Amino acid sequence: MILMPVLAVAMISAPPQADQDDLHCLAYLSVAAGKVEGELRHKVEAGVLYYFGRLEARRPQYDIAVELDRILRAPGYGAQSYQADKARCHAQLDPLADRFEAWRGRYENGQ
């Protein structure tokens, strides 16, 4: 019987899957930002801002720094997790970036 309250507390404290996914993208991009420079760094920072904004919009009460530290310091977070996050996040970001570039090109040129 004691196990049920413990499980209930764990379920309440765990972020919803969408938030966990976005936090993992934010973690991946935060690490990536330290590895790149120039124009690529600006693109990474734009991705960071995208995921940060999504999280802020859904859960303004999150302490995102605490959540990122929890992910990045977890014993199981390593190169394999990083690569999985990278692949999943780029599957979301790349089409969005392409649409944004098309939109930006249209409106920056006064069309």
N, C-alpha and C. Protein backbone atom coordinates (compact mmCIF):
# COMPACT_ATOMS: atom_id res chain seq x y z
N MET A 1 0.81 -1.20 0.00
CA MET A 1 0.00 0.00 0.00
C MET A 1 0.86 1.27 0.00
N ILE A 2 2.02 1.22 0.58
CA ILE A 2 2.89 2.39 0.62
C ILE A 2 3.41 2.72 -0.77
N LEU A 3 3.54 1.74 -1.61
CA LEU A 3 4.07 1.94 -2.94
C LEU A 3 3.18 2.86 -3.78
N MET A 4 1.88 2.79 -3.65
CA MET A 4 0.97 3.62 -4.44
C MET A 4 1.19 5.12 -4.20
N PRO A 5 1.26 5.60 -2.96
CA PRO A 5 1.52 7.04 -2.77
C PRO A 5 2.88 7.47 -3.33
N VAL A 6 3.88 6.62 -3.23
CA VAL A 6 5.20 6.95 -3.76
C VAL A 6 5.13 7.07 -5.27
N LEU A 7 4.45 6.16 -5.93
CA LEU A 7 4.28 6.22 -7.37
C LEU A 7 3.49 7.45 -7.78
N ALA A 8 2.47 7.79 -7.02
CA ALA A 8 1.66 8.97 -7.33
C ALA A 8 2.50 10.23 -7.24
N VAL A 9 3.34 10.35 -6.24
CA VAL A 9 4.20 11.52 -6.10
C VAL A 9 5.20 11.57 -7.26
N ALA A 10 5.76 10.44 -7.64
CA ALA A 10 6.71 10.40 -8.75
C ALA A 10 6.04 10.83 -10.05
N MET A 11 4.80 10.40 -10.26
CA MET A 11 4.09 10.76 -11.48
C MET A 11 3.76 12.25 -11.50
N ILE A 12 3.44 12.81 -10.35
CA ILE A 12 3.11 14.22 -10.28
C ILE A 12 4.35 15.07 -10.53
N SER A 13 5.49 14.66 -10.00
CA SER A 13 6.70 15.47 -10.09
C SER A 13 7.40 15.35 -11.44
N ALA A 14 7.14 14.28 -12.18
CA ALA A 14 7.78 14.12 -13.49
C ALA A 14 7.08 15.02 -14.50
N PRO A 15 7.86 15.79 -15.26
CA PRO A 15 7.24 16.65 -16.28
C PRO A 15 6.52 15.80 -17.34
N PRO A 16 5.47 16.36 -17.93
CA PRO A 16 4.81 15.65 -19.03
C PRO A 16 5.80 15.35 -20.16
N GLN A 17 5.50 14.37 -20.98
CA GLN A 17 6.42 13.93 -22.02
C GLN A 17 6.83 15.08 -22.96
N ALA A 18 5.89 15.91 -23.35
CA ALA A 18 6.21 17.03 -24.25
C ALA A 18 7.25 17.95 -23.61
N ASP A 19 7.10 18.19 -22.32
CA ASP A 19 8.07 19.04 -21.61
C ASP A 19 9.42 18.34 -21.52
N GLN A 20 9.41 17.05 -21.24
CA GLN A 20 10.67 16.31 -21.17
C GLN A 20 11.38 16.34 -22.51
N ASP A 21 10.62 16.16 -23.59
CA ASP A 21 11.22 16.21 -24.92
C ASP A 21 11.85 17.57 -25.19
N ASP A 22 11.12 18.64 -24.88
CA ASP A 22 11.64 19.98 -25.11
C ASP A 22 12.83 20.28 -24.21
N LEU A 23 12.79 19.80 -22.98
CA LEU A 23 13.93 19.98 -22.09
C LEU A 23 15.16 19.26 -22.62
N HIS A 24 14.97 18.09 -23.18
CA HIS A 24 16.09 17.35 -23.75
C HIS A 24 16.64 18.06 -24.98
N CYS A 25 15.77 18.66 -25.78
CA CYS A 25 16.26 19.45 -26.92
C CYS A 25 17.03 20.67 -26.43
N LEU A 26 16.53 21.28 -25.41
CA LEU A 26 17.21 22.43 -24.83
C LEU A 26 18.57 22.01 -24.27
N ALA A 27 18.63 20.85 -23.65
CA ALA A 27 19.91 20.35 -23.12
C ALA A 27 20.88 20.08 -24.26
N TYR A 28 20.41 19.39 -25.29
CA TYR A 28 21.27 19.10 -26.44
C TYR A 28 21.81 20.40 -27.04
N LEU A 29 20.92 21.36 -27.28
CA LEU A 29 21.32 22.60 -27.92
C LEU A 29 22.25 23.42 -27.02
N SER A 30 22.06 23.34 -25.73
CA SER A 30 22.93 24.06 -24.80
C SER A 30 24.34 23.51 -24.87
N VAL A 31 24.47 22.21 -24.96
CA VAL A 31 25.79 21.59 -25.11
C VAL A 31 26.37 21.96 -26.48
N ALA A 32 25.54 21.86 -27.52
CA ALA A 32 26.00 22.14 -28.88
C ALA A 32 26.48 23.58 -29.01
N ALA A 33 25.84 24.51 -28.32
CA ALA A 33 26.21 25.93 -28.42
C ALA A 33 27.66 26.15 -27.99
N GLY A 34 28.14 25.34 -27.08
CA GLY A 34 29.52 25.47 -26.63
C GLY A 34 30.52 24.85 -27.58
N LYS A 35 30.04 24.18 -28.63
CA LYS A 35 30.93 23.49 -29.56
C LYS A 35 31.06 24.19 -30.91
N VAL A 36 30.24 25.22 -31.15
CA VAL A 36 30.22 25.85 -32.47
C VAL A 36 30.41 27.35 -32.35
N GLU A 37 30.74 27.98 -33.47
CA GLU A 37 30.94 29.42 -33.50
C GLU A 37 30.29 30.02 -34.74
N GLY A 38 30.26 31.32 -34.79
CA GLY A 38 29.80 32.04 -35.98
C GLY A 38 28.32 31.83 -36.28
N GLU A 39 28.03 31.71 -37.57
CA GLU A 39 26.64 31.58 -38.02
C GLU A 39 25.97 30.33 -37.45
N LEU A 40 26.71 29.25 -37.36
CA LEU A 40 26.14 28.03 -36.78
C LEU A 40 25.76 28.25 -35.32
N ARG A 41 26.55 29.00 -34.61
CA ARG A 41 26.22 29.32 -33.21
C ARG A 41 24.91 30.09 -33.13
N HIS A 42 24.70 31.02 -34.05
CA HIS A 42 23.45 31.80 -34.08
C HIS A 42 22.25 30.89 -34.34
N LYS A 43 22.43 29.91 -35.21
CA LYS A 43 21.33 28.97 -35.49
C LYS A 43 21.02 28.12 -34.26
N VAL A 44 22.06 27.68 -33.57
CA VAL A 44 21.86 26.90 -32.35
C VAL A 44 21.14 27.74 -31.30
N GLU A 45 21.56 28.99 -31.16
CA GLU A 45 20.91 29.88 -30.19
C GLU A 45 19.44 30.12 -30.54
N ALA A 46 19.14 30.18 -31.84
CA ALA A 46 17.73 30.33 -32.25
C ALA A 46 16.94 29.09 -31.83
N GLY A 47 17.53 27.92 -31.95
CA GLY A 47 16.87 26.69 -31.49
C GLY A 47 16.67 26.69 -29.99
N VAL A 48 17.67 27.18 -29.26
CA VAL A 48 17.56 27.28 -27.80
C VAL A 48 16.38 28.18 -27.46
N LEU A 49 16.30 29.32 -28.12
CA LEU A 49 15.21 30.25 -27.86
C LEU A 49 13.85 29.63 -28.18
N TYR A 50 13.77 28.86 -29.25
CA TYR A 50 12.53 28.18 -29.63
C TYR A 50 12.06 27.25 -28.52
N TYR A 51 12.93 26.37 -28.06
CA TYR A 51 12.53 25.42 -27.02
C TYR A 51 12.31 26.10 -25.67
N PHE A 52 13.11 27.10 -25.37
CA PHE A 52 12.92 27.86 -24.14
C PHE A 52 11.54 28.51 -24.15
N GLY A 53 11.17 29.10 -25.27
CA GLY A 53 9.86 29.74 -25.40
C GLY A 53 8.72 28.75 -25.28
N ARG A 54 8.87 27.59 -25.88
CA ARG A 54 7.82 26.56 -25.76
C ARG A 54 7.61 26.17 -24.30
N LEU A 55 8.71 25.96 -23.61
CA LEU A 55 8.62 25.57 -22.19
C LEU A 55 8.03 26.69 -21.35
N GLU A 56 8.48 27.90 -21.57
CA GLU A 56 7.97 29.05 -20.82
C GLU A 56 6.46 29.23 -21.06
N ALA A 57 6.04 29.02 -22.28
CA ALA A 57 4.62 29.19 -22.61
C ALA A 57 3.75 28.14 -21.91
N ARG A 58 4.24 26.91 -21.87
CA ARG A 58 3.45 25.83 -21.25
C ARG A 58 3.60 25.81 -19.74
N ARG A 59 4.80 26.05 -19.24
CA ARG A 59 5.10 25.88 -17.82
C ARG A 59 5.95 27.03 -17.30
N PRO A 60 5.39 28.22 -17.14
CA PRO A 60 6.21 29.34 -16.67
C PRO A 60 6.78 29.13 -15.27
N GLN A 61 6.25 28.18 -14.53
CA GLN A 61 6.74 27.93 -13.17
C GLN A 61 8.02 27.09 -13.15
N TYR A 62 8.40 26.49 -14.29
CA TYR A 62 9.61 25.68 -14.32
C TYR A 62 10.83 26.53 -14.03
N ASP A 63 11.74 25.95 -13.28
CA ASP A 63 13.08 26.51 -13.17
C ASP A 63 13.89 25.73 -14.21
N ILE A 64 13.98 26.30 -15.40
CA ILE A 64 14.58 25.57 -16.52
C ILE A 64 16.03 25.20 -16.23
N ALA A 65 16.76 26.05 -15.54
CA ALA A 65 18.16 25.74 -15.22
C ALA A 65 18.24 24.48 -14.35
N VAL A 66 17.35 24.36 -13.40
CA VAL A 66 17.34 23.17 -12.54
C VAL A 66 17.03 21.93 -13.37
N GLU A 67 16.04 22.05 -14.24
CA GLU A 67 15.67 20.91 -15.09
C GLU A 67 16.81 20.52 -16.03
N LEU A 68 17.50 21.51 -16.61
CA LEU A 68 18.64 21.21 -17.48
C LEU A 68 19.77 20.54 -16.72
N ASP A 69 20.06 21.04 -15.54
CA ASP A 69 21.10 20.40 -14.72
C ASP A 69 20.74 18.97 -14.40
N ARG A 70 19.46 18.73 -14.11
CA ARG A 70 19.00 17.37 -13.81
C ARG A 70 19.27 16.44 -14.99
N ILE A 71 19.01 16.91 -16.19
CA ILE A 71 19.22 16.09 -17.39
C ILE A 71 20.71 15.90 -17.66
N LEU A 72 21.44 16.99 -17.69
CA LEU A 72 22.84 16.93 -18.09
C LEU A 72 23.73 16.23 -17.07
N ARG A 73 23.31 16.21 -15.82
CA ARG A 73 24.10 15.55 -14.77
C ARG A 73 23.63 14.13 -14.47
N ALA A 74 22.58 13.70 -15.15
CA ALA A 74 22.06 12.35 -14.91
C ALA A 74 23.12 11.32 -15.34
N PRO A 75 23.28 10.27 -14.55
CA PRO A 75 24.30 9.27 -14.87
C PRO A 75 24.14 8.67 -16.27
N GLY A 76 22.92 8.57 -16.76
CA GLY A 76 22.71 7.95 -18.07
C GLY A 76 22.82 8.89 -19.25
N TYR A 77 23.06 10.20 -19.00
CA TYR A 77 23.14 11.13 -20.12
C TYR A 77 24.57 11.19 -20.62
N GLY A 78 24.77 10.72 -21.82
CA GLY A 78 26.10 10.70 -22.41
C GLY A 78 26.00 10.87 -23.90
N ALA A 79 27.02 10.42 -24.59
CA ALA A 79 27.10 10.60 -26.04
C ALA A 79 25.91 9.97 -26.76
N GLN A 80 25.47 8.82 -26.31
CA GLN A 80 24.35 8.14 -26.97
C GLN A 80 23.05 8.93 -26.78
N SER A 81 22.80 9.39 -25.58
CA SER A 81 21.61 10.20 -25.31
C SER A 81 21.66 11.51 -26.09
N TYR A 82 22.83 12.12 -26.12
CA TYR A 82 23.04 13.37 -26.83
C TYR A 82 22.70 13.18 -28.32
N GLN A 83 23.20 12.10 -28.92
CA GLN A 83 22.94 11.85 -30.34
C GLN A 83 21.46 11.57 -30.60
N ALA A 84 20.82 10.86 -29.70
CA ALA A 84 19.38 10.60 -29.86
C ALA A 84 18.59 11.90 -29.76
N ASP A 85 18.94 12.75 -28.80
CA ASP A 85 18.28 14.05 -28.68
C ASP A 85 18.53 14.89 -29.92
N LYS A 86 19.77 14.87 -30.39
CA LYS A 86 20.12 15.64 -31.59
C LYS A 86 19.26 15.23 -32.78
N ALA A 87 19.13 13.94 -33.02
CA ALA A 87 18.34 13.45 -34.15
C ALA A 87 16.86 13.84 -34.01
N ARG A 88 16.31 13.64 -32.84
CA ARG A 88 14.89 13.95 -32.62
C ARG A 88 14.63 15.44 -32.74
N CYS A 89 15.51 16.23 -32.18
CA CYS A 89 15.30 17.69 -32.18
C CYS A 89 15.47 18.26 -33.59
N HIS A 90 16.45 17.76 -34.33
CA HIS A 90 16.62 18.24 -35.69
C HIS A 90 15.46 17.83 -36.59
N ALA A 91 14.83 16.70 -36.30
CA ALA A 91 13.64 16.31 -37.07
C ALA A 91 12.52 17.33 -36.87
N GLN A 92 12.50 18.00 -35.73
CA GLN A 92 11.52 19.07 -35.48
C GLN A 92 12.01 20.40 -36.02
N LEU A 93 13.25 20.74 -35.74
CA LEU A 93 13.77 22.07 -36.05
C LEU A 93 14.04 22.32 -37.53
N ASP A 94 14.57 21.34 -38.23
CA ASP A 94 14.99 21.57 -39.61
C ASP A 94 13.83 21.99 -40.52
N PRO A 95 12.69 21.30 -40.49
CA PRO A 95 11.57 21.76 -41.33
C PRO A 95 11.06 23.15 -40.90
N LEU A 96 11.07 23.41 -39.62
CA LEU A 96 10.65 24.72 -39.13
C LEU A 96 11.61 25.81 -39.61
N ALA A 97 12.90 25.53 -39.56
CA ALA A 97 13.90 26.49 -40.02
C ALA A 97 13.74 26.76 -41.52
N ASP A 98 13.45 25.71 -42.29
CA ASP A 98 13.23 25.88 -43.72
C ASP A 98 12.02 26.77 -43.98
N ARG A 99 10.93 26.53 -43.27
CA ARG A 99 9.73 27.36 -43.44
C ARG A 99 10.01 28.80 -43.03
N PHE A 100 10.77 28.97 -41.96
CA PHE A 100 11.10 30.32 -41.51
C PHE A 100 11.93 31.05 -42.56
N GLU A 101 12.92 30.38 -43.13
CA GLU A 101 13.76 31.01 -44.15
C GLU A 101 12.93 31.44 -45.35
N ALA A 102 11.98 30.61 -45.76
CA ALA A 102 11.10 30.97 -46.88
C ALA A 102 10.26 32.19 -46.51
N TRP A 103 9.72 32.19 -45.32
CA TRP A 103 8.91 33.32 -44.84
C TRP A 103 9.76 34.57 -44.75
N ARG A 104 10.94 34.45 -44.17
CA ARG A 104 11.82 35.61 -44.00
C ARG A 104 12.23 36.18 -45.35
N GLY A 105 12.57 35.31 -46.29
CA GLY A 105 12.94 35.77 -47.62
C GLY A 105 11.82 36.52 -48.30
N ARG A 106 10.61 36.06 -48.11
CA ARG A 106 9.46 36.74 -48.72
C ARG A 106 9.24 38.12 -48.12
N TYR A 107 9.29 38.24 -46.82
CA TYR A 107 8.93 39.49 -46.17
C TYR A 107 10.10 40.46 -46.05
N GLU A 108 11.31 39.96 -46.04
CA GLU A 108 12.46 40.88 -46.02
C GLU A 108 12.62 41.56 -47.36
N ASN A 109 12.15 40.91 -48.42
CA ASN A 109 12.24 41.48 -49.76
C ASN A 109 11.04 42.33 -50.11
N GLY A 110 10.13 42.55 -49.17
CA GLY A 110 8.98 43.43 -49.37
C GLY A 110 7.90 42.85 -50.27
N GLN A 111 7.81 41.55 -50.35
CA GLN A 111 6.77 40.94 -51.20
C GLN A 111 5.46 40.82 -50.48
